[in-house]
Protein backbone atom coordinates (compact mmCIF):
# COMPACT_ATOMS: atom_id res chain seq x y z
CA MET A 1 17.04 -128.91 0.77
CA LYS A 2 14.75 -127.44 -1.86
CA LEU A 3 15.03 -123.97 -0.26
CA LYS A 4 18.83 -124.18 -0.15
CA MET A 5 18.91 -125.17 -3.84
CA ALA A 6 16.49 -122.33 -4.78
CA ILE A 7 18.76 -119.85 -2.94
CA LEU A 8 21.93 -121.17 -4.64
CA MET A 9 20.26 -121.05 -8.07
CA LYS A 10 19.22 -117.51 -7.44
CA LEU A 11 22.75 -116.51 -6.41
CA THR A 12 24.29 -118.01 -9.53
CA GLN A 13 22.35 -115.38 -11.43
CA ILE A 14 24.30 -112.52 -9.78
CA PRO A 15 28.02 -113.11 -10.79
CA GLN A 16 29.29 -109.61 -10.35
CA LYS A 17 30.78 -109.84 -6.91
CA PRO A 18 31.59 -112.69 -4.47
CA ILE A 19 28.92 -112.75 -1.84
CA SER A 20 29.87 -112.52 1.87
CA SER A 21 28.45 -114.93 4.46
CA HIS A 22 26.65 -112.00 6.12
CA SER A 23 24.96 -111.07 2.84
CA PHE A 24 24.05 -114.55 2.10
CA LEU A 25 22.30 -115.00 5.41
CA ILE A 26 20.40 -111.75 4.90
CA TYR A 27 19.36 -112.93 1.37
CA ALA A 28 18.36 -116.39 2.70
CA ALA A 29 16.24 -114.69 5.54
CA SER A 30 14.60 -112.43 2.95
CA TYR A 31 13.85 -115.49 0.64
CA CYS A 32 12.41 -117.48 3.48
CA THR A 33 10.12 -114.49 4.44
CA HIS A 34 9.03 -114.24 0.76
CA LEU A 35 8.37 -117.99 0.60
CA HIS A 36 6.32 -117.92 3.81
CA LYS A 37 4.27 -114.98 2.52
CA SER A 38 3.59 -116.80 -0.80
CA THR A 39 2.50 -119.97 1.00
CA THR A 40 0.21 -117.93 3.41
CA GLU A 41 -1.33 -116.12 0.50
CA ILE A 42 -2.08 -119.35 -1.31
CA GLU A 43 -3.63 -120.92 1.76
CA ARG A 44 -5.68 -117.73 2.30
CA ILE A 45 -7.13 -117.63 -1.17
CA ALA A 46 -7.81 -121.38 -1.13
CA LYS A 47 -9.57 -121.03 2.15
CA ILE A 48 -11.74 -118.16 0.90
CA ILE A 49 -12.73 -120.18 -2.07
CA ASN A 50 -13.45 -123.31 0.00
CA ASP A 51 -15.51 -121.34 2.57
CA HIS A 52 -17.52 -119.38 0.01
CA PRO A 53 -21.21 -120.04 0.35
CA PHE A 54 -22.23 -122.51 -2.41
CA PRO A 55 -24.35 -122.29 -4.56
CA ASP A 56 -25.91 -119.19 -3.07
CA GLN A 57 -23.40 -116.61 -4.47
CA PRO A 58 -21.13 -116.54 -7.41
CA LEU A 59 -17.44 -116.66 -6.62
CA HIS A 60 -16.33 -114.25 -9.37
CA PRO A 61 -16.97 -110.97 -7.55
CA THR A 62 -15.21 -112.18 -4.45
CA LEU A 63 -12.22 -113.19 -6.41
CA LEU A 64 -12.26 -109.87 -8.28
CA HIS A 65 -12.19 -108.05 -4.98
CA LEU A 66 -9.41 -110.19 -3.30
CA ILE A 67 -7.00 -111.09 -6.05
CA PRO A 68 -5.05 -108.31 -7.72
CA SER A 69 -5.09 -108.10 -11.48
CA PRO A 70 -3.10 -109.22 -13.38
CA LEU A 71 -2.51 -112.43 -11.45
CA PRO A 72 0.74 -112.79 -9.48
CA SER A 73 2.03 -115.77 -11.57
CA ASN A 74 1.13 -119.13 -13.02
CA THR A 75 2.75 -120.67 -10.09
CA PHE A 76 0.15 -118.97 -7.90
CA LEU A 77 -2.66 -120.44 -10.00
CA ASN A 78 -1.14 -124.02 -9.89
CA ASP A 79 -0.53 -123.85 -6.10
CA VAL A 80 -4.08 -122.69 -5.24
CA LEU A 81 -5.63 -125.36 -7.40
CA GLY A 82 -3.34 -127.92 -5.86
CA HIS A 83 -4.55 -126.83 -2.45
CA LEU A 84 -8.13 -127.00 -3.60
CA PHE A 85 -7.62 -130.54 -4.86
CA ALA A 86 -6.09 -131.72 -1.59
CA ALA A 87 -8.82 -129.91 0.34
CA HIS A 88 -11.64 -131.81 -1.45
CA SER A 89 -13.21 -128.52 -2.57
CA ASN A 90 -16.29 -128.44 -4.62
CA GLY A 91 -15.44 -128.93 -8.33
CA LEU A 92 -17.61 -125.99 -9.56
CA LYS A 93 -15.69 -123.69 -7.28
CA ALA A 94 -12.39 -124.82 -8.68
CA LEU A 95 -13.75 -124.44 -12.21
CA GLU A 96 -14.91 -120.80 -11.47
CA PHE A 97 -11.41 -119.95 -10.09
CA PHE A 98 -9.80 -121.47 -13.11
CA LYS A 99 -11.89 -119.48 -15.53
CA PHE A 100 -11.38 -116.36 -13.53
CA CYS A 101 -7.59 -116.82 -13.89
CA LEU A 102 -8.07 -117.45 -17.64
CA HIS A 103 -9.63 -113.98 -18.11
CA HIS A 104 -7.46 -111.98 -15.65
CA SER A 105 -3.97 -113.31 -16.28
CA GLN A 106 -1.53 -111.95 -18.78
CA ALA A 107 0.18 -115.30 -19.09
CA SER A 108 -1.53 -118.49 -20.42
CA PRO A 109 -2.33 -121.19 -17.69
CA THR A 110 -0.10 -124.27 -17.66
CA PRO A 111 -1.22 -127.74 -18.53
CA ASP A 112 -0.79 -128.65 -14.89
CA ALA A 113 -3.36 -126.05 -13.85
CA PHE A 114 -5.89 -127.33 -16.43
CA GLU A 115 -5.28 -130.95 -15.42
CA LYS A 116 -5.87 -130.19 -11.79
CA THR A 117 -9.12 -128.29 -12.49
CA LEU A 118 -10.27 -131.29 -14.68
CA HIS A 119 -9.27 -133.79 -11.96
CA ILE A 120 -11.33 -131.85 -9.26
CA LEU A 121 -14.36 -131.86 -11.54
CA ALA A 122 -14.10 -135.50 -12.68
CA ARG A 123 -13.48 -136.70 -9.05
CA MET A 124 -16.92 -135.28 -8.14
CA ARG A 125 -18.43 -136.78 -11.38
CA TYR A 126 -19.09 -133.50 -12.94
CA PHE A 127 -18.80 -135.10 -16.35
CA ASP A 128 -20.91 -132.69 -18.35
CA GLN A 129 -18.92 -129.70 -17.02
CA SER A 130 -15.56 -131.67 -17.75
CA TRP A 131 -16.50 -132.11 -21.34
CA GLU A 132 -17.66 -128.52 -21.71
CA LEU A 133 -14.31 -127.27 -20.20
CA MET A 134 -12.29 -129.44 -22.63
CA ARG A 135 -14.28 -128.14 -25.64
CA GLU A 136 -13.69 -124.58 -24.48
CA ILE A 137 -10.02 -125.21 -23.98
CA ARG A 138 -9.86 -126.69 -27.47
CA GLN A 139 -11.06 -123.34 -28.82
CA THR A 140 -9.01 -121.00 -26.66
CA HIS A 141 -5.86 -122.89 -25.38
CA PRO A 142 -5.44 -126.05 -27.34
CA PHE A 143 -1.84 -126.52 -26.13
CA LEU A 144 -3.35 -127.38 -22.72
CA LEU A 145 -4.82 -130.61 -24.03
CA THR A 146 -2.39 -133.32 -23.01
CA LEU A 147 -2.33 -137.08 -22.76
CA LYS A 148 -2.60 -136.62 -18.93
CA SER A 149 -5.79 -134.61 -19.22
CA MET A 150 -7.27 -137.35 -21.53
CA SER A 151 -6.24 -139.98 -18.96
CA ILE A 152 -7.82 -138.06 -16.00
CA LEU A 153 -11.23 -138.00 -17.57
CA LEU A 154 -11.19 -141.42 -19.09
CA SER A 155 -10.06 -143.04 -15.82
CA ARG A 156 -12.98 -141.42 -13.90
CA ILE A 157 -15.43 -142.45 -16.62
CA ALA A 158 -14.07 -146.03 -16.54
CA LYS A 159 -14.58 -145.98 -12.76
CA PHE A 160 -18.13 -144.77 -12.60
CA ARG A 161 -19.67 -145.38 -16.01
CA SER A 162 -20.09 -148.46 -18.23
CA PHE A 163 -17.49 -150.05 -20.62
CA GLU A 164 -19.48 -148.78 -23.64
CA GLU A 165 -19.52 -145.21 -22.28
CA THR A 166 -15.76 -145.32 -21.76
CA ILE A 167 -15.15 -146.43 -25.34
CA GLU A 168 -17.57 -143.80 -26.53
CA ALA A 169 -15.67 -141.18 -24.49
CA PHE A 170 -12.34 -142.23 -26.17
CA GLN A 171 -13.93 -141.77 -29.54
CA ARG A 172 -15.37 -138.50 -28.48
CA MET A 173 -11.86 -137.34 -27.39
CA GLU A 174 -10.65 -138.09 -30.93
CA ASN A 175 -13.50 -136.59 -32.83
CA GLU A 176 -14.51 -133.60 -30.69
CA VAL A 177 -11.67 -132.56 -28.42
CA PHE A 178 -8.22 -133.50 -29.86
CA VAL A 179 -9.34 -132.62 -33.31
CA GLY A 180 -6.60 -132.70 -35.96
CA ARG A 181 -4.45 -134.98 -33.82
CA LYS A 182 -3.87 -138.42 -35.26
CA PHE A 183 -4.51 -140.90 -32.59
CA GLY A 184 -1.84 -143.64 -32.27
CA THR A 185 -0.33 -146.03 -29.67
CA GLU A 186 0.19 -143.41 -27.00
CA GLU A 187 -3.51 -142.47 -27.02
CA PHE A 188 -4.51 -146.18 -27.11
CA ASN A 189 -2.22 -146.67 -23.99
CA VAL A 190 -4.25 -143.95 -22.23
CA LEU A 191 -7.47 -145.84 -22.83
CA LEU A 192 -5.94 -149.14 -21.70
CA ARG A 193 -4.60 -147.37 -18.56
CA ALA A 194 -8.11 -146.20 -17.77
CA PHE A 195 -9.27 -149.78 -17.43
CA CYS A 196 -6.07 -151.31 -15.93
CA THR A 197 -5.90 -148.67 -13.08
CA GLN A 198 -9.51 -149.63 -12.23
CA ARG A 199 -8.58 -153.28 -12.26
CA GLN A 200 -11.09 -153.89 -15.09
CA MET A 201 -8.86 -156.55 -16.86
CA LYS A 202 -11.66 -158.21 -18.71
CA GLU A 203 -12.43 -154.90 -20.42
CA ALA A 204 -8.76 -154.12 -20.90
CA ARG A 205 -8.15 -157.46 -22.59
CA SER A 206 -11.25 -156.83 -24.77
CA VAL A 207 -10.02 -153.37 -25.88
CA PHE A 208 -6.51 -154.73 -26.57
CA HIS A 209 -7.71 -157.56 -28.78
CA LYS A 210 -10.10 -155.32 -30.66
CA MET A 211 -7.79 -152.39 -31.24
CA TYR A 212 -4.17 -153.70 -31.30
CA SER A 213 -4.34 -154.01 -35.15
CA ARG A 214 -5.10 -150.24 -35.43
CA PHE A 215 -2.76 -149.22 -32.60
CA PRO A 216 0.47 -151.41 -32.75
CA PRO A 217 1.41 -152.09 -29.12
CA ASN A 218 4.80 -150.95 -27.64
CA ILE A 219 6.50 -151.97 -24.47
CA LYS A 220 4.56 -149.38 -22.55
CA THR A 221 1.32 -151.02 -23.75
CA ILE A 222 2.57 -154.35 -22.43
CA ASN A 223 3.66 -152.89 -19.14
CA LEU A 224 0.28 -151.29 -18.63
CA LEU A 225 -1.46 -154.58 -19.02
CA LEU A 226 1.07 -156.28 -16.72
CA LEU A 227 0.31 -153.44 -14.17
CA GLY A 228 -3.44 -154.02 -14.45
CA PHE A 229 -3.00 -157.81 -13.65
CA LYS A 230 -0.62 -156.87 -10.81
CA GLU A 231 -3.16 -154.42 -9.35
CA SER A 232 -5.80 -157.18 -9.59
CA SER A 233 -3.43 -159.39 -7.44
CA ASP A 234 -3.39 -161.98 -10.22
CA ILE A 235 0.13 -163.26 -10.24
CA THR A 236 -0.65 -166.16 -12.57
CA SER A 237 -2.03 -163.72 -15.17
CA VAL A 238 1.05 -161.55 -14.60
CA GLU A 239 3.43 -164.36 -15.45
CA LEU A 240 1.35 -165.86 -18.37
CA PHE A 241 1.11 -162.40 -20.02
CA TYR A 242 4.79 -161.79 -19.43
CA HIS A 243 5.77 -164.97 -21.23
CA GLU A 244 3.28 -164.26 -23.95
CA MET A 245 4.94 -160.83 -24.33
CA ILE A 246 8.37 -162.56 -24.67
CA LYS A 247 6.95 -164.90 -27.42
CA ARG A 248 5.66 -161.83 -29.21
CA GLY A 249 9.15 -160.49 -29.44
CA PHE A 250 8.96 -157.69 -26.80
CA LYS A 251 12.04 -157.13 -24.74
CA PRO A 252 11.32 -156.44 -21.07
CA ASN A 253 12.82 -153.27 -19.54
CA ALA A 254 13.33 -152.17 -15.96
CA VAL A 255 9.63 -151.21 -15.54
CA THR A 256 8.56 -154.73 -16.64
CA TYR A 257 10.72 -156.41 -14.02
CA SER A 258 9.66 -153.95 -11.35
CA ILE A 259 6.01 -154.67 -11.93
CA ARG A 260 6.67 -158.44 -11.66
CA ILE A 261 8.72 -157.90 -8.49
CA ASP A 262 5.87 -155.80 -6.96
CA ALA A 263 3.25 -158.41 -7.91
CA TYR A 264 5.12 -161.07 -5.94
CA CYS A 265 5.94 -158.82 -3.01
CA LYS A 266 2.30 -157.64 -2.53
CA LYS A 267 1.21 -161.26 -2.36
CA GLY A 268 3.77 -162.07 0.33
CA CYS A 269 6.00 -164.02 -2.03
CA PHE A 270 9.16 -162.10 -1.20
CA VAL A 271 11.50 -164.95 -2.15
CA ASP A 272 10.02 -164.97 -5.70
CA GLY A 273 10.34 -161.17 -5.78
CA LEU A 274 14.09 -161.61 -5.02
CA ARG A 275 14.33 -164.19 -7.72
CA VAL A 276 12.93 -161.84 -10.35
CA PHE A 277 15.28 -159.12 -9.08
CA LYS A 278 18.18 -161.46 -9.78
CA GLU A 279 16.77 -162.06 -13.34
CA MET A 280 16.77 -158.31 -13.80
CA GLU A 281 20.40 -157.96 -12.82
CA ARG A 282 21.40 -160.85 -15.05
CA ALA A 283 19.59 -159.08 -17.88
CA LYS A 284 22.07 -156.15 -17.25
CA LEU A 285 19.17 -153.83 -16.30
CA GLU A 286 20.17 -151.36 -13.48
CA PRO A 287 17.56 -151.42 -10.71
CA THR A 288 15.91 -148.07 -10.02
CA LEU A 289 15.21 -146.56 -6.66
CA GLU A 290 11.58 -147.60 -7.17
CA THR A 291 12.61 -151.17 -7.65
CA ILE A 292 14.56 -151.25 -4.32
CA THR A 293 11.72 -149.42 -2.57
CA THR A 294 9.38 -152.20 -3.76
CA LEU A 295 11.65 -154.90 -2.29
CA ILE A 296 11.92 -153.09 1.02
CA HIS A 297 8.08 -153.08 1.11
CA GLY A 298 8.08 -156.76 0.19
CA ALA A 299 10.51 -157.51 3.05
CA GLY A 300 8.09 -155.72 5.38
CA ILE A 301 5.12 -157.60 4.24
CA VAL A 302 6.82 -160.87 5.34
CA LYS A 303 8.11 -159.04 8.52
CA ASP A 304 11.76 -159.47 7.59
CA LYS A 305 13.02 -156.07 9.00
CA THR A 306 16.58 -157.24 8.81
CA LYS A 307 16.42 -157.68 5.01
CA ALA A 308 14.48 -154.46 4.71
CA ARG A 309 17.25 -152.57 6.52
CA GLN A 310 19.94 -154.32 4.46
CA LEU A 311 18.20 -153.33 1.19
CA PHE A 312 17.88 -149.79 2.42
CA ASP A 313 21.54 -149.58 3.46
CA GLU A 314 22.52 -150.80 -0.04
CA ILE A 315 20.83 -147.86 -1.84
CA PRO A 316 23.94 -145.54 -1.61
CA LEU A 317 26.21 -148.44 -2.71
CA ARG A 318 24.12 -148.66 -6.02
CA ASN A 319 24.86 -144.92 -6.50
CA LEU A 320 21.26 -144.13 -5.63
CA CYS A 321 20.00 -141.60 -2.98
CA PRO A 322 17.17 -142.67 -0.64
CA ASP A 323 14.09 -140.50 -0.98
CA ILE A 324 10.90 -140.08 1.04
CA GLY A 325 9.45 -143.19 -0.63
CA ALA A 326 12.39 -145.42 0.46
CA TYR A 327 12.21 -144.07 3.99
CA ASN A 328 8.50 -144.71 4.13
CA ALA A 329 9.05 -148.24 2.83
CA LEU A 330 11.49 -148.98 5.67
CA ILE A 331 9.23 -147.36 8.27
CA SER A 332 6.35 -149.52 7.01
CA SER A 333 8.58 -152.65 7.34
CA LEU A 334 9.50 -151.73 10.93
CA ILE A 335 5.84 -151.00 11.82
CA ARG A 336 4.79 -154.30 10.44
CA SER A 337 7.37 -156.00 12.59
CA GLY A 338 6.10 -154.09 15.63
CA ASP A 339 9.29 -152.04 16.00
CA VAL A 340 7.66 -148.59 16.40
CA LYS A 341 10.62 -147.24 18.28
CA SER A 342 13.05 -147.75 15.35
CA ALA A 343 10.41 -146.30 13.02
CA ALA A 344 10.20 -143.14 15.13
CA ALA A 345 14.00 -142.89 15.12
CA LEU A 346 13.93 -143.17 11.32
CA MET A 347 11.32 -140.33 11.24
CA GLU A 348 13.79 -138.21 13.17
CA ASP A 349 16.64 -139.16 10.75
CA MET A 350 14.43 -137.88 7.94
CA GLU A 351 14.06 -134.53 9.62
CA ALA A 352 17.80 -134.34 10.27
CA LYS A 353 18.49 -134.89 6.63
CA HIS A 354 15.77 -132.41 5.56
CA ILE A 355 13.83 -135.02 3.75
CA GLY A 356 10.61 -134.20 5.53
CA HIS A 357 7.51 -136.30 6.09
CA ASP A 358 4.44 -136.91 3.87
CA SER A 359 0.99 -138.40 4.55
CA VAL A 360 2.38 -141.92 4.17
CA THR A 361 4.97 -141.35 6.86
CA TYR A 362 2.36 -140.13 9.28
CA HIS A 363 -0.10 -142.83 8.34
CA MET A 364 2.31 -145.69 8.99
CA MET A 365 3.46 -144.10 12.35
CA PHE A 366 -0.23 -143.55 13.51
CA LEU A 367 -1.02 -147.16 12.49
CA GLY A 368 1.85 -148.48 14.52
CA LEU A 369 0.78 -146.52 17.59
CA ILE A 370 -2.79 -147.74 17.23
CA ARG A 371 -1.63 -151.29 17.20
CA LEU A 372 0.31 -150.71 20.33
CA GLU A 373 -2.76 -148.93 21.81
CA ASP A 374 -0.41 -146.13 22.68
CA VAL A 375 -2.83 -143.35 23.11
CA GLY A 376 -0.15 -140.93 24.60
CA GLY A 377 2.22 -141.54 21.71
CA PHE A 378 -0.60 -141.05 19.25
CA ARG A 379 -1.51 -137.72 20.75
CA GLU A 380 2.05 -136.69 20.76
CA LEU A 381 2.54 -137.46 17.10
CA TYR A 382 -0.77 -135.72 16.26
CA SER A 383 0.40 -132.59 18.21
CA LYS A 384 3.66 -132.57 16.29
CA MET A 385 1.74 -132.90 13.00
CA VAL A 386 -0.39 -129.84 13.88
CA ARG A 387 2.61 -127.78 14.97
CA GLN A 388 4.19 -128.46 11.63
CA ASN A 389 0.89 -127.23 9.95
CA PHE A 390 0.70 -130.54 8.10
CA VAL A 391 -2.65 -131.76 6.71
CA PRO A 392 -2.65 -135.54 5.94
CA LYS A 393 -4.46 -137.14 3.07
CA THR A 394 -8.05 -138.50 3.42
CA ARG A 395 -7.32 -142.01 4.64
CA THR A 396 -5.08 -140.70 7.44
CA THR A 397 -7.57 -138.02 8.37
CA VAL A 398 -10.24 -140.74 8.67
CA MET A 399 -7.85 -142.79 10.82
CA ILE A 400 -7.18 -140.00 13.19
CA MET A 401 -10.77 -139.01 13.51
CA LYS A 402 -11.84 -142.66 14.09
CA PHE A 403 -9.12 -143.01 16.77
CA PHE A 404 -10.27 -139.93 18.69
CA CYS A 405 -13.97 -140.95 18.53
CA GLU A 406 -13.46 -144.58 19.57
CA ASN A 407 -11.29 -143.48 22.42
CA ARG A 408 -14.02 -141.14 23.73
CA ARG A 409 -11.91 -138.09 22.96
CA VAL A 410 -14.58 -136.17 20.97
CA ASP A 411 -12.98 -132.94 22.32
CA LEU A 412 -9.81 -133.81 20.27
CA ALA A 413 -12.05 -134.91 17.36
CA LEU A 414 -13.78 -131.60 17.33
CA GLY A 415 -10.45 -129.75 17.55
CA PHE A 416 -9.14 -131.74 14.64
CA TRP A 417 -12.23 -130.82 12.58
CA ALA A 418 -11.69 -127.18 13.42
CA TYR A 419 -7.99 -127.51 12.37
CA LEU A 420 -8.96 -128.85 8.98
CA VAL A 421 -11.54 -126.17 8.36
CA GLU A 422 -9.19 -123.44 9.56
CA LYS A 423 -6.51 -124.71 7.06
CA GLY A 424 -9.00 -124.25 4.21
CA TYR A 425 -10.01 -127.96 3.90
CA CYS A 426 -13.49 -129.40 3.39
CA PRO A 427 -13.16 -132.73 5.32
CA HIS A 428 -14.28 -135.83 3.50
CA SER A 429 -17.74 -137.17 4.19
CA HIS A 430 -16.28 -140.20 5.97
CA VAL A 431 -14.68 -137.88 8.47
CA LEU A 432 -18.02 -136.15 9.17
CA ASP A 433 -19.73 -139.53 9.62
CA LEU A 434 -17.34 -140.47 12.41
CA LEU A 435 -17.49 -137.02 14.10
CA VAL A 436 -21.33 -136.74 13.92
CA THR A 437 -21.72 -140.33 15.33
CA GLY A 438 -19.22 -139.53 18.10
CA LEU A 439 -20.79 -136.20 19.11
CA CYS A 440 -24.33 -137.19 18.98
CA ALA A 441 -23.57 -140.32 21.06
CA ARG A 442 -22.33 -138.01 23.82
CA GLY A 443 -25.25 -135.54 23.60
CA MET A 444 -23.18 -132.82 21.63
CA VAL A 445 -25.91 -132.42 19.12
CA LEU A 446 -25.42 -128.66 18.47
CA GLN A 447 -21.76 -129.19 17.78
CA ALA A 448 -22.57 -131.98 15.32
CA PHE A 449 -25.09 -129.59 13.64
CA GLU A 450 -22.44 -126.86 13.16
CA CYS A 451 -19.97 -129.27 11.58
CA SER A 452 -22.60 -130.73 9.28
CA LYS A 453 -23.68 -127.23 8.24
CA GLN A 454 -20.04 -126.23 7.55
CA MET A 455 -19.72 -129.26 5.24
CA LEU A 456 -22.86 -128.45 3.32
CA GLU A 457 -22.15 -124.70 3.02
CA ARG A 458 -18.84 -125.55 1.39
CA GLY A 459 -20.63 -127.41 -1.41
CA ARG A 460 -20.03 -130.96 -0.25
CA GLN A 461 -22.93 -133.37 0.48
CA MET A 462 -23.18 -135.27 3.75
CA SER A 463 -23.94 -138.90 3.69
CA GLU A 464 -27.47 -140.27 4.13
CA ALA A 465 -26.36 -142.19 7.31
CA ALA A 466 -24.91 -138.97 8.93
CA PHE A 467 -28.07 -137.06 7.99
CA LEU A 468 -30.33 -139.67 9.59
CA ILE A 469 -28.27 -139.47 12.77
CA MET A 470 -28.66 -135.74 12.77
CA GLU A 471 -32.33 -135.94 12.03
CA ARG A 472 -33.00 -138.30 15.01
CA SER A 473 -30.79 -136.32 17.32
CA LEU A 474 -32.12 -132.85 16.40
CA LEU A 475 -35.80 -133.93 16.58
CA LYS A 476 -35.10 -135.57 19.90
CA ALA A 477 -33.62 -132.33 21.16
CA ARG A 478 -36.63 -130.47 19.76
CA ALA A 479 -34.35 -128.43 17.46
CA THR A 480 -36.71 -128.64 14.52
CA ASP A 481 -35.48 -125.32 13.09
CA LYS A 482 -31.97 -126.65 12.84
CA TYR A 483 -33.19 -129.91 11.28
CA GLY A 484 -35.04 -127.77 8.71
CA GLU A 485 -31.99 -125.78 7.95
CA LEU A 486 -29.86 -128.93 7.23
CA GLU A 487 -32.63 -130.45 5.13
CA GLN A 488 -32.86 -127.13 3.12
CA LEU A 489 -29.17 -127.05 2.48
CA ARG A 490 -29.14 -130.69 1.30
CA LYS A 491 -31.99 -130.09 -1.12
CA LYS A 492 -30.25 -126.98 -2.51
CA LEU A 493 -27.10 -129.02 -3.09
CA LYS A 494 -29.03 -131.77 -4.85
CA THR A 495 -29.92 -129.31 -7.65
CA VAL A 496 -26.22 -128.66 -8.47
CA LEU A 497 -24.38 -131.95 -7.47
CA PRO A 498 -24.37 -134.99 -9.66
CA PRO A 499 -27.29 -137.48 -9.13
CA PRO A 500 -26.93 -139.83 -6.05
CA ASN A 501 -26.24 -142.86 -8.16
CA GLN A 502 -23.09 -141.12 -9.49
CA PHE A 503 -22.13 -139.36 -6.22
CA LEU A 504 -20.60 -142.42 -4.71
CA SER A 505 -18.53 -142.37 -1.44
CA GLU A 506 -14.90 -143.25 -1.57
CA ILE A 507 -11.65 -142.86 0.42
CA PRO A 508 -8.80 -142.10 -1.99
CA ALA A 509 -5.57 -143.88 -1.34
CA SER A 510 -2.64 -141.86 -0.22
């Protein structure tokens, strides 16, 4: 659908003559070829960056040799950085690529490119480099400093540092980075969001009570706090704070009601979710597609697939158009009810309507097949995913690797690893843990060594547990040289990666 719209938009810029069907098809084919080449080039550059030896050699000379100057476009920069983010690339590599583009592009980078670079750095707890980058951007490209970039860094600091350090970081943003900008309620909301998204509601409450006199709260402030209580699965606090909000004179909006509905649905209180939905309608607030999607999820949690289907079918009647999120919600509901066949049919319906599949779609389908212990169906879906050149997000990647290893199909597990690496991804350490355990248990120590080496050479540390397994297996196989090689690579990385107490292991949600 996006391709068709892009073609039509392009055609509207050429009004001189009516275009024939034959010419249209030629143009469409040409556009598709161009699109494919662009995608291939983005993947190629991202893979080169990800595969580049780290930290042995600087990346800059390689980029200078491979990428023509000036850079193709800002879209190219954004897309490569997006690929690096999804690929779990080392943050310092992404930073070097971003700085290379700063100096070799005629056009200024977009805020999106800066935010992606900052996100990759902060995700790996490269906080010193993150601050340094923000200060540099303040001097050279201050327009790139957005509320979103502030939110990215504060959220990570809130997650991995103390309450006091997060408050100090907010003050540092005001005094050292966003110099000349008067901080108001919107900036205050960013700080609150950092605590709320990490479910640190004690801290969020403390900040709210200490600072609300300086930063008068608005409806977004209230919704953020409600969201935090909801994420903490605290329905009582959601309702108490909601009624406190009403007493303070705030008028709830569609987002407020949607948060309350989601809070009830996630706790399995679907009837209460419907009750709040009726309240919303009585308040003359039009439900959004996200609201209906939340209710479909809620129906799935209580395994009421009939109600989930009914809600889904009502979407067009509300003058809304179902998107991939709505389809995923219904697929999830069907999977929870054990109706994998209907879920698979819905997946085909998505294809027929050119909606496509994302990582959530695949995750739910794989989960349903695992519950059915349908090894054949799982392999078939996996093969389809690979044919479509789709790389799922981390939690789905971990699920696939775990399934192959637990079902004694380390050949498929090894093939999956190779597929991820070939696509330019640096698989997450949890994926390596599973693969190393499965391979070593079956005496495939050399293969486990090669995968571990690939991980380390790409600038990502392997876990202590995986290294201990490799240590025992390699020494038992008398491969002391290979053990020494892994140990040397790990030591080298420790000099450039954040300290171990900061470099915590996590599986991001999809």
